[in-house]
Amino acid sequence: MAEFGMTLSSEEWGPKDLVESARKAEAAGFDFVSISDHFHPWIEAQGHSPFVWGVLGAIGEATSTLEVGVGVTCPTIRIHPAIVAQAAATASLLLDGRFTFGIGSGENLNEHVLGHRWPPADVRLAMLEEALEVMRAMWTGERVDHRGDFYEVENAKLYDPPAGDLTVVVSGFGPKAVELAARIGDGLWTSGPDPELQQTWEQAGGSGPKYGQINVAYGPDEDECR
């Protein structure tokens, strides 16, 4: 059964407006909202970029039934996956099981701020896979030591892990990313109803929810909306 959600564009609205939009979305009957997670907006004119994890906590208090997802976080370069794991665990507790965590390989445009070299796509996908391995280990609440190709974690333990399994939806906009999403994720996040990508995901063994994000202009005058 299809569900309908609304994107909270943190590139275009400040934190209080985002929380208010989530409250209104719940009142209007939307099934869920998603919220973007970047350091910079896509273009300067958008003008906003609040810290998503603080906004999520406020949304948890402002709503009671609305499903809330991050669409999506890049847990590989700007923030170490162990820290992202802690943030996602806290958000899931504040939202009482209404939280879905979306992850992706990121964009240099709004992730580059620490000055690290931006890796090519295949390396970023490998980093994403290892990052999710780290985060899932952290979410067990057990003590974690990890020495991988990209990340190290030493004697780390989440004292407030998620109350249950945390659903992780992986973004994919090309065949390789979609195949990775099918292999490591609990669902797919992509840009609209692309039949070929959905078929690739299913053939690679993907299961779970599929999120297709599209942009619309809604109003009584079609010409004006266009």
C-alpha atoms as a PDB file:
ATOM      1  CA  MET A   1       0.000   0.000   0.000  1.00  0.00           C
ATOM      2  CA  ALA A   2       1.339   3.415  -0.987  1.00  0.00           C
ATOM      3  CA  GLU A   3       2.017   6.012   1.672  1.00  0.00           C
ATOM      4  CA  PHE A   4       2.481   9.719   1.107  1.00  0.00           C
ATOM      5  CA  GLY A   5       5.033  11.899   2.821  1.00  0.00           C
ATOM      6  CA  MET A   6       6.367  15.418   2.670  1.00  0.00           C
ATOM      7  CA  THR A   7       9.973  16.542   2.502  1.00  0.00           C
ATOM      8  CA  LEU A   8      11.158  19.011   5.117  1.00  0.00           C
ATOM      9  CA  SER A   9      13.767  20.901   3.151  1.00  0.00           C
ATOM     10  CA  SER A  10      16.367  22.016   5.646  1.00  0.00           C
ATOM     11  CA  GLU A  11      18.061  23.928   2.824  1.00  0.00           C
ATOM     12  CA  GLU A  12      15.040  26.247   2.552  1.00  0.00           C
ATOM     13  CA  TRP A  13      13.737  26.615   6.132  1.00  0.00           C
ATOM     14  CA  GLY A  14      15.123  27.354   9.551  1.00  0.00           C
ATOM     15  CA  PRO A  15      14.772  24.913  12.474  1.00  0.00           C
ATOM     16  CA  LYS A  16      11.573  26.348  13.997  1.00  0.00           C
ATOM     17  CA  ASP A  17       9.826  26.426  10.620  1.00  0.00           C
ATOM     18  CA  LEU A  18      10.802  22.808   9.977  1.00  0.00           C
ATOM     19  CA  VAL A  19       9.305  21.712  13.294  1.00  0.00           C
ATOM     20  CA  GLU A  20       6.116  23.652  12.565  1.00  0.00           C
ATOM     21  CA  SER A  21       5.895  22.084   9.093  1.00  0.00           C
ATOM     22  CA  ALA A  22       6.148  18.623  10.636  1.00  0.00           C
ATOM     23  CA  ARG A  23       3.351  19.468  13.060  1.00  0.00           C
ATOM     24  CA  LYS A  24       1.173  20.699  10.181  1.00  0.00           C
ATOM     25  CA  ALA A  25       1.993  17.613   8.088  1.00  0.00           C
ATOM     26  CA  GLU A  26       0.747  15.368  10.892  1.00  0.00           C
ATOM     27  CA  ALA A  27      -2.437  17.436  11.268  1.00  0.00           C
ATOM     28  CA  ALA A  28      -3.031  17.305   7.489  1.00  0.00           C
ATOM     29  CA  GLY A  29      -2.816  13.506   7.426  1.00  0.00           C
ATOM     30  CA  PHE A  30       0.546  12.845   5.824  1.00  0.00           C
ATOM     31  CA  ASP A  31       1.917   9.395   6.649  1.00  0.00           C
ATOM     32  CA  PHE A  32       5.487  10.578   7.136  1.00  0.00           C
ATOM     33  CA  VAL A  33       7.965  13.377   6.665  1.00  0.00           C
ATOM     34  CA  SER A  34      11.585  13.166   5.622  1.00  0.00           C
ATOM     35  CA  ILE A  35      14.247  15.740   6.412  1.00  0.00           C
ATOM     36  CA  SER A  36      17.485  16.405   4.563  1.00  0.00           C
ATOM     37  CA  ASP A  37      20.876  16.444   6.275  1.00  0.00           C
ATOM     38  CA  HIS A  38      23.620  18.657   4.844  1.00  0.00           C
ATOM     39  CA  PHE A  39      26.077  21.227   6.112  1.00  0.00           C
ATOM     40  CA  HIS A  40      25.458  23.602   3.195  1.00  0.00           C
ATOM     41  CA  PRO A  41      22.315  24.123   1.100  1.00  0.00           C
ATOM     42  CA  TRP A  42      22.384  23.143  -2.564  1.00  0.00           C
ATOM     43  CA  ILE A  43      22.520  26.788  -3.676  1.00  0.00           C
ATOM     44  CA  GLU A  44      23.216  29.995  -1.785  1.00  0.00           C
ATOM     45  CA  ALA A  45      19.728  31.368  -2.468  1.00  0.00           C
ATOM     46  CA  GLN A  46      18.120  28.608  -0.394  1.00  0.00           C
ATOM     47  CA  GLY A  47      19.760  30.144   2.626  1.00  0.00           C
ATOM     48  CA  HIS A  48      19.395  27.573   5.434  1.00  0.00           C
ATOM     49  CA  SER A  49      21.136  24.563   6.936  1.00  0.00           C
ATOM     50  CA  PRO A  50      20.212  23.745  10.569  1.00  0.00           C
ATOM     51  CA  PHE A  51      21.694  20.748  12.382  1.00  0.00           C
ATOM     52  CA  VAL A  52      19.280  17.947  11.571  1.00  0.00           C
ATOM     53  CA  TRP A  53      19.716  15.999  14.821  1.00  0.00           C
ATOM     54  CA  GLY A  54      18.593  18.919  16.943  1.00  0.00           C
ATOM     55  CA  VAL A  55      15.567  19.464  14.684  1.00  0.00           C
ATOM     56  CA  LEU A  56      14.615  15.786  14.936  1.00  0.00           C
ATOM     57  CA  GLY A  57      14.447  15.974  18.709  1.00  0.00           C
ATOM     58  CA  ALA A  58      12.091  18.944  18.502  1.00  0.00           C
ATOM     59  CA  ILE A  59       9.924  17.160  15.902  1.00  0.00           C
ATOM     60  CA  GLY A  60       9.657  14.233  18.292  1.00  0.00           C
ATOM     61  CA  GLU A  61       8.105  16.530  20.888  1.00  0.00           C
ATOM     62  CA  ALA A  62       5.862  18.366  18.412  1.00  0.00           C
ATOM     63  CA  THR A  63       4.288  15.223  16.889  1.00  0.00           C
ATOM     64  CA  SER A  64       2.873  11.970  18.199  1.00  0.00           C
ATOM     65  CA  THR A  65       1.955   9.673  15.274  1.00  0.00           C
ATOM     66  CA  LEU A  66       3.890  10.999  12.281  1.00  0.00           C
ATOM     67  CA  GLU A  67       6.636   8.751  10.907  1.00  0.00           C
ATOM     68  CA  VAL A  68       9.906  10.661  10.541  1.00  0.00           C
ATOM     69  CA  GLY A  69      12.864   9.802   8.343  1.00  0.00           C
ATOM     70  CA  VAL A  70      16.217  11.306   7.472  1.00  0.00           C
ATOM     71  CA  GLY A  71      16.591  11.495   3.731  1.00  0.00           C
ATOM     72  CA  VAL A  72      19.529  11.120   3.776  1.00  0.00           C
ATOM     73  CA  THR A  73      22.650  11.366   5.946  1.00  0.00           C
ATOM     74  CA  CYS A  74      26.162  10.819   4.616  1.00  0.00           C
ATOM     75  CA  PRO A  75      27.812   8.998   7.576  1.00  0.00           C
ATOM     76  CA  THR A  76      31.259   8.699   6.051  1.00  0.00           C
ATOM     77  CA  ILE A  77      33.285  11.916   5.832  1.00  0.00           C
ATOM     78  CA  ARG A  78      31.790  14.964   7.567  1.00  0.00           C
ATOM     79  CA  ILE A  79      30.819  12.960  10.683  1.00  0.00           C
ATOM     80  CA  HIS A  80      32.378   9.688  11.853  1.00  0.00           C
ATOM     81  CA  PRO A  81      29.890   6.792  11.736  1.00  0.00           C
ATOM     82  CA  ALA A  82      30.257   6.116  15.474  1.00  0.00           C
ATOM     83  CA  ILE A  83      28.962   9.622  16.195  1.00  0.00           C
ATOM     84  CA  VAL A  84      26.184   9.269  13.618  1.00  0.00           C
ATOM     85  CA  ALA A  85      25.202   5.992  15.294  1.00  0.00           C
ATOM     86  CA  GLN A  86      24.817   7.793  18.614  1.00  0.00           C
ATOM     87  CA  ALA A  87      22.746  10.568  17.010  1.00  0.00           C
ATOM     88  CA  ALA A  88      20.439   8.140  15.196  1.00  0.00           C
ATOM     89  CA  ALA A  89      19.971   6.037  18.322  1.00  0.00           C
ATOM     90  CA  THR A  90      18.921   9.101  20.323  1.00  0.00           C
ATOM     91  CA  ALA A  91      16.537  10.243  17.579  1.00  0.00           C
ATOM     92  CA  SER A  92      14.918   6.806  17.461  1.00  0.00           C
ATOM     93  CA  LEU A  93      14.288   6.895  21.217  1.00  0.00           C
ATOM     94  CA  LEU A  94      12.830  10.397  21.126  1.00  0.00           C
ATOM     95  CA  LEU A  95      10.520   9.388  18.274  1.00  0.00           C
ATOM     96  CA  ASP A  96       9.350   6.162  19.992  1.00  0.00           C
ATOM     97  CA  GLY A  97       9.831   3.857  17.024  1.00  0.00           C
ATOM     98  CA  ARG A  98       8.612   6.374  14.420  1.00  0.00           C
ATOM     99  CA  PHE A  99      12.120   6.918  13.061  1.00  0.00           C
ATOM    100  CA  THR A 100      13.571   5.665   9.763  1.00  0.00           C
ATOM    101  CA  PHE A 101      17.222   6.357   9.043  1.00  0.00           C
ATOM    102  CA  GLY A 102      18.281   7.081   5.463  1.00  0.00           C
ATOM    103  CA  ILE A 103      21.942   7.000   4.477  1.00  0.00           C
ATOM    104  CA  GLY A 104      23.842   7.694   1.272  1.00  0.00           C
ATOM    105  CA  SER A 105      27.283   8.270  -0.177  1.00  0.00           C
ATOM    106  CA  GLY A 106      26.956  12.056  -0.155  1.00  0.00           C
ATOM    107  CA  GLU A 107      27.717  15.037  -2.375  1.00  0.00           C
ATOM    108  CA  ASN A 108      30.952  17.026  -2.294  1.00  0.00           C
ATOM    109  CA  LEU A 109      28.912  20.227  -2.709  1.00  0.00           C
ATOM    110  CA  ASN A 110      27.515  20.144   0.833  1.00  0.00           C
ATOM    111  CA  GLU A 111      29.801  17.687   2.638  1.00  0.00           C
ATOM    112  CA  HIS A 112      33.283  19.080   1.848  1.00  0.00           C
ATOM    113  CA  VAL A 113      33.634  21.493   4.781  1.00  0.00           C
ATOM    114  CA  LEU A 114      36.424  19.708   6.674  1.00  0.00           C
ATOM    115  CA  GLY A 115      38.755  19.873   3.685  1.00  0.00           C
ATOM    116  CA  HIS A 116      39.139  16.128   3.198  1.00  0.00           C
ATOM    117  CA  ARG A 117      39.721  14.769  -0.280  1.00  0.00           C
ATOM    118  CA  TRP A 118      36.432  13.706  -1.863  1.00  0.00           C
ATOM    119  CA  PRO A 119      36.776  10.040  -2.909  1.00  0.00           C
ATOM    120  CA  PRO A 120      35.474   8.581  -6.178  1.00  0.00           C
ATOM    121  CA  ALA A 121      32.077   6.881  -6.220  1.00  0.00           C
ATOM    122  CA  ASP A 122      33.245   3.284  -5.788  1.00  0.00           C
ATOM    123  CA  VAL A 123      35.338   4.235  -2.739  1.00  0.00           C
ATOM    124  CA  ARG A 124      32.449   6.173  -1.218  1.00  0.00           C
ATOM    125  CA  LEU A 125      30.178   3.142  -1.609  1.00  0.00           C
ATOM    126  CA  ALA A 126      32.758   0.963   0.144  1.00  0.00           C
ATOM    127  CA  MET A 127      32.998   3.575   2.917  1.00  0.00           C
ATOM    128  CA  LEU A 128      29.211   3.597   3.233  1.00  0.00           C
ATOM    129  CA  GLU A 129      29.113  -0.172   3.626  1.00  0.00           C
ATOM    130  CA  GLU A 130      31.737  -0.127   6.365  1.00  0.00           C
ATOM    131  CA  ALA A 131      30.061   2.846   8.063  1.00  0.00           C
ATOM    132  CA  LEU A 132      26.797   0.911   8.309  1.00  0.00           C
ATOM    133  CA  GLU A 133      28.684  -2.078   9.705  1.00  0.00           C
ATOM    134  CA  VAL A 134      30.088   0.186  12.428  1.00  0.00           C
ATOM    135  CA  MET A 135      26.717   1.767  13.182  1.00  0.00           C
ATOM    136  CA  ARG A 136      24.864  -1.539  13.424  1.00  0.00           C
ATOM    137  CA  ALA A 137      27.508  -2.844  15.801  1.00  0.00           C
ATOM    138  CA  MET A 138      27.069   0.273  17.931  1.00  0.00           C
ATOM    139  CA  TRP A 139      23.277  -0.064  17.970  1.00  0.00           C
ATOM    140  CA  THR A 140      23.512  -3.426  19.738  1.00  0.00           C
ATOM    141  CA  GLY A 141      24.569  -1.574  22.887  1.00  0.00           C
ATOM    142  CA  GLU A 142      27.630  -3.790  23.152  1.00  0.00           C
ATOM    143  CA  ARG A 143      31.170  -2.462  23.437  1.00  0.00           C
ATOM    144  CA  VAL A 144      32.697  -2.018  19.978  1.00  0.00           C
ATOM    145  CA  ASP A 145      36.266  -2.179  18.735  1.00  0.00           C
ATOM    146  CA  HIS A 146      36.640  -1.865  14.981  1.00  0.00           C
ATOM    147  CA  ARG A 147      39.675  -1.687  12.704  1.00  0.00           C
ATOM    148  CA  GLY A 148      38.556  -1.425   9.099  1.00  0.00           C
ATOM    149  CA  ASP A 149      39.731  -0.070   5.774  1.00  0.00           C
ATOM    150  CA  PHE A 150      38.331   3.398   6.517  1.00  0.00           C
ATOM    151  CA  TYR A 151      37.333   3.655  10.191  1.00  0.00           C
ATOM    152  CA  GLU A 152      38.606   2.860  13.652  1.00  0.00           C
ATOM    153  CA  VAL A 153      36.450   2.615  16.756  1.00  0.00           C
ATOM    154  CA  GLU A 154      38.031   2.011  20.145  1.00  0.00           C
ATOM    155  CA  ASN A 155      36.188   0.737  23.205  1.00  0.00           C
ATOM    156  CA  ALA A 156      32.933   2.501  22.274  1.00  0.00           C
ATOM    157  CA  LYS A 157      29.533   1.718  23.770  1.00  0.00           C
ATOM    158  CA  LEU A 158      26.141   3.358  23.316  1.00  0.00           C
ATOM    159  CA  TYR A 159      24.489   3.502  26.718  1.00  0.00           C
ATOM    160  CA  ASP A 160      21.197   4.533  25.078  1.00  0.00           C
ATOM    161  CA  PRO A 161      20.919   2.268  22.029  1.00  0.00           C
ATOM    162  CA  PRO A 162      17.735   2.027  19.952  1.00  0.00           C
ATOM    163  CA  ALA A 163      14.891   0.198  21.673  1.00  0.00           C
ATOM    164  CA  GLY A 164      14.589  -2.236  18.738  1.00  0.00           C
ATOM    165  CA  ASP A 165      15.894  -2.763  15.245  1.00  0.00           C
ATOM    166  CA  LEU A 166      16.538   0.534  13.493  1.00  0.00           C
ATOM    167  CA  THR A 167      15.311   0.579   9.888  1.00  0.00           C
ATOM    168  CA  VAL A 168      18.040   1.811   7.546  1.00  0.00           C
ATOM    169  CA  VAL A 169      17.062   2.874   4.039  1.00  0.00           C
ATOM    170  CA  VAL A 170      19.970   3.286   1.603  1.00  0.00           C
ATOM    171  CA  SER A 171      19.862   5.788  -1.241  1.00  0.00           C
ATOM    172  CA  GLY A 172      20.651   4.761  -4.776  1.00  0.00           C
ATOM    173  CA  PHE A 173      20.509   6.782  -7.997  1.00  0.00           C
ATOM    174  CA  GLY A 174      22.558   4.442 -10.204  1.00  0.00           C
ATOM    175  CA  PRO A 175      22.884   0.663 -10.628  1.00  0.00           C
ATOM    176  CA  LYS A 176      25.919   0.146  -8.349  1.00  0.00           C
ATOM    177  CA  ALA A 177      24.447   2.153  -5.486  1.00  0.00           C
ATOM    178  CA  VAL A 178      21.073   0.428  -5.884  1.00  0.00           C
ATOM    179  CA  GLU A 179      22.717  -2.999  -5.763  1.00  0.00           C
ATOM    180  CA  LEU A 180      24.533  -1.981  -2.582  1.00  0.00           C
ATOM    181  CA  ALA A 181      21.251  -0.730  -1.118  1.00  0.00           C
ATOM    182  CA  ALA A 182      19.667  -4.105  -1.856  1.00  0.00           C
ATOM    183  CA  ARG A 183      22.536  -5.933  -0.161  1.00  0.00           C
ATOM    184  CA  ILE A 184      23.008  -3.887   3.020  1.00  0.00           C
ATOM    185  CA  GLY A 185      19.826  -1.856   3.509  1.00  0.00           C
ATOM    186  CA  ASP A 186      16.287  -2.386   4.754  1.00  0.00           C
ATOM    187  CA  GLY A 187      14.805  -0.321   1.923  1.00  0.00           C
ATOM    188  CA  LEU A 188      15.592   1.952  -1.013  1.00  0.00           C
ATOM    189  CA  TRP A 189      15.628   5.738  -1.278  1.00  0.00           C
ATOM    190  CA  THR A 190      15.677   7.169  -4.799  1.00  0.00           C
ATOM    191  CA  SER A 191      14.455  10.099  -6.892  1.00  0.00           C
ATOM    192  CA  GLY A 192      11.017   9.179  -8.170  1.00  0.00           C
ATOM    193  CA  PRO A 193       9.462   6.052  -9.693  1.00  0.00           C
ATOM    194  CA  ASP A 194      12.297   4.800 -11.907  1.00  0.00           C
ATOM    195  CA  PRO A 195      11.226   1.289 -13.074  1.00  0.00           C
ATOM    196  CA  GLU A 196      14.736   0.245 -14.129  1.00  0.00           C
ATOM    197  CA  LEU A 197      16.303   1.096 -10.777  1.00  0.00           C
ATOM    198  CA  GLN A 198      13.473  -0.615  -8.903  1.00  0.00           C
ATOM    199  CA  GLN A 199      13.953  -3.717 -11.042  1.00  0.00           C
ATOM    200  CA  THR A 200      17.715  -3.652 -10.370  1.00  0.00           C
ATOM    201  CA  TRP A 201      17.019  -3.401  -6.633  1.00  0.00           C
ATOM    202  CA  GLU A 202      14.564  -6.294  -6.660  1.00  0.00           C
ATOM    203  CA  GLN A 203      16.834  -8.493  -8.801  1.00  0.00           C
ATOM    204  CA  ALA A 204      19.669  -7.824  -6.353  1.00  0.00           C
ATOM    205  CA  GLY A 205      17.500  -9.134  -3.506  1.00  0.00           C
ATOM    206  CA  GLY A 206      16.205  -5.839  -2.166  1.00  0.00           C
ATOM    207  CA  SER A 207      13.212  -5.864   0.140  1.00  0.00           C
ATOM    208  CA  GLY A 208      11.401  -3.402   2.343  1.00  0.00           C
ATOM    209  CA  PRO A 209      10.027   0.069   1.678  1.00  0.00           C
ATOM    210  CA  LYS A 210      10.878   2.044  -1.454  1.00  0.00           C
ATOM    211  CA  TYR A 211      10.908   5.835  -1.184  1.00  0.00           C
ATOM    212  CA  GLY A 212      10.578   7.795  -4.423  1.00  0.00           C
ATOM    213  CA  GLN A 213      11.129  11.510  -3.858  1.00  0.00           C
ATOM    214  CA  ILE A 214       9.660  13.954  -6.391  1.00  0.00           C
ATOM    215  CA  ASN A 215       9.247  17.724  -6.521  1.00  0.00           C
ATOM    216  CA  VAL A 216       5.800  19.181  -7.095  1.00  0.00           C
ATOM    217  CA  ALA A 217       4.173  22.612  -7.301  1.00  0.00           C
ATOM    218  CA  TYR A 218       0.605  22.348  -6.036  1.00  0.00           C
ATOM    219  CA  GLY A 219      -2.164  24.884  -6.611  1.00  0.00           C
ATOM    220  CA  PRO A 220      -5.432  25.607  -8.383  1.00  0.00           C
ATOM    221  CA  ASP A 221      -3.791  27.044 -11.540  1.00  0.00           C
ATOM    222  CA  GLU A 222      -1.767  24.501 -13.538  1.00  0.00           C
ATOM    223  CA  ASP A 223      -0.036  27.130 -15.692  1.00  0.00           C
ATOM    224  CA  GLU A 224       1.024  29.120 -12.653  1.00  0.00           C
ATOM    225  CA  CYS A 225       2.358  25.982 -10.951  1.00  0.00           C
ATOM    226  CA  ARG A 226       4.351  25.053 -14.056  1.00  0.00           C
END
